[in-house]
Amino acid sequence: MKPNIHPKTYQVIFQDVNSGYRFLSRSTKTSDETAEWEDGKTYPVIKVEV
């Protein structure tokens, strides 16, 4: 693989706005809104409508 061509990824919480279901994943997106996860760490929250 070529170096320095892949976008930076972050751990983020995706949250369904209808049900409130949340899961921790990696994404190239980030957010100014944050929340604490089960491991005690704070991550950006990306709200989605499923």
Protein backbone atom coordinates (compact mmCIF):
# COMPACT_ATOMS: atom_id res chain seq x y z
CA MET A 1 0.00 0.00 0.00
CA LYS A 2 1.11 3.53 -0.66
CA PRO A 3 1.86 5.56 2.46
CA ASN A 4 -0.11 8.71 3.36
CA ILE A 5 -3.06 8.15 0.99
CA HIS A 6 -5.59 6.73 3.44
CA PRO A 7 -7.88 9.07 5.41
CA LYS A 8 -7.47 9.31 9.17
CA THR A 9 -10.03 7.29 11.14
CA TYR A 10 -11.47 7.93 14.59
CA GLN A 11 -13.43 5.90 17.11
CA VAL A 12 -16.94 7.35 17.25
CA ILE A 13 -20.32 6.49 18.71
CA PHE A 14 -23.11 6.14 16.16
CA GLN A 15 -26.52 6.80 17.72
CA ASP A 16 -29.93 6.15 16.16
CA VAL A 17 -32.06 9.21 16.93
CA ASN A 18 -35.33 7.21 16.92
CA SER A 19 -34.48 4.29 19.19
CA GLY A 20 -31.45 5.66 21.02
CA TYR A 21 -29.44 2.53 20.10
CA ARG A 22 -25.71 3.26 20.12
CA PHE A 23 -22.62 1.40 18.98
CA LEU A 24 -18.92 2.19 18.94
CA SER A 25 -17.15 1.97 15.60
CA ARG A 26 -14.45 3.63 13.50
CA SER A 27 -15.18 6.34 10.96
CA THR A 28 -13.52 9.05 8.93
CA LYS A 29 -16.24 11.39 10.24
CA THR A 30 -16.10 13.11 13.59
CA SER A 31 -18.33 15.44 15.60
CA ASP A 32 -18.14 18.25 18.15
CA GLU A 33 -20.79 16.49 20.24
CA THR A 34 -19.33 13.90 22.63
CA ALA A 35 -20.57 11.24 25.03
CA GLU A 36 -19.06 8.83 27.51
CA TRP A 37 -18.97 5.18 26.44
CA GLU A 38 -19.14 2.04 28.63
CA ASP A 39 -15.34 1.94 28.91
CA GLY A 40 -15.35 5.35 30.64
CA LYS A 41 -13.76 7.15 27.67
CA THR A 42 -15.35 10.06 25.81
CA TYR A 43 -15.93 9.77 22.06
CA PRO A 44 -17.55 11.95 19.37
CA VAL A 45 -21.24 11.13 18.69
CA ILE A 46 -22.67 10.93 15.19
CA LYS A 47 -26.47 10.87 15.20
CA VAL A 48 -28.18 9.00 12.36
CA GLU A 49 -31.78 8.27 11.45
CA VAL A 50 -32.26 4.61 10.64
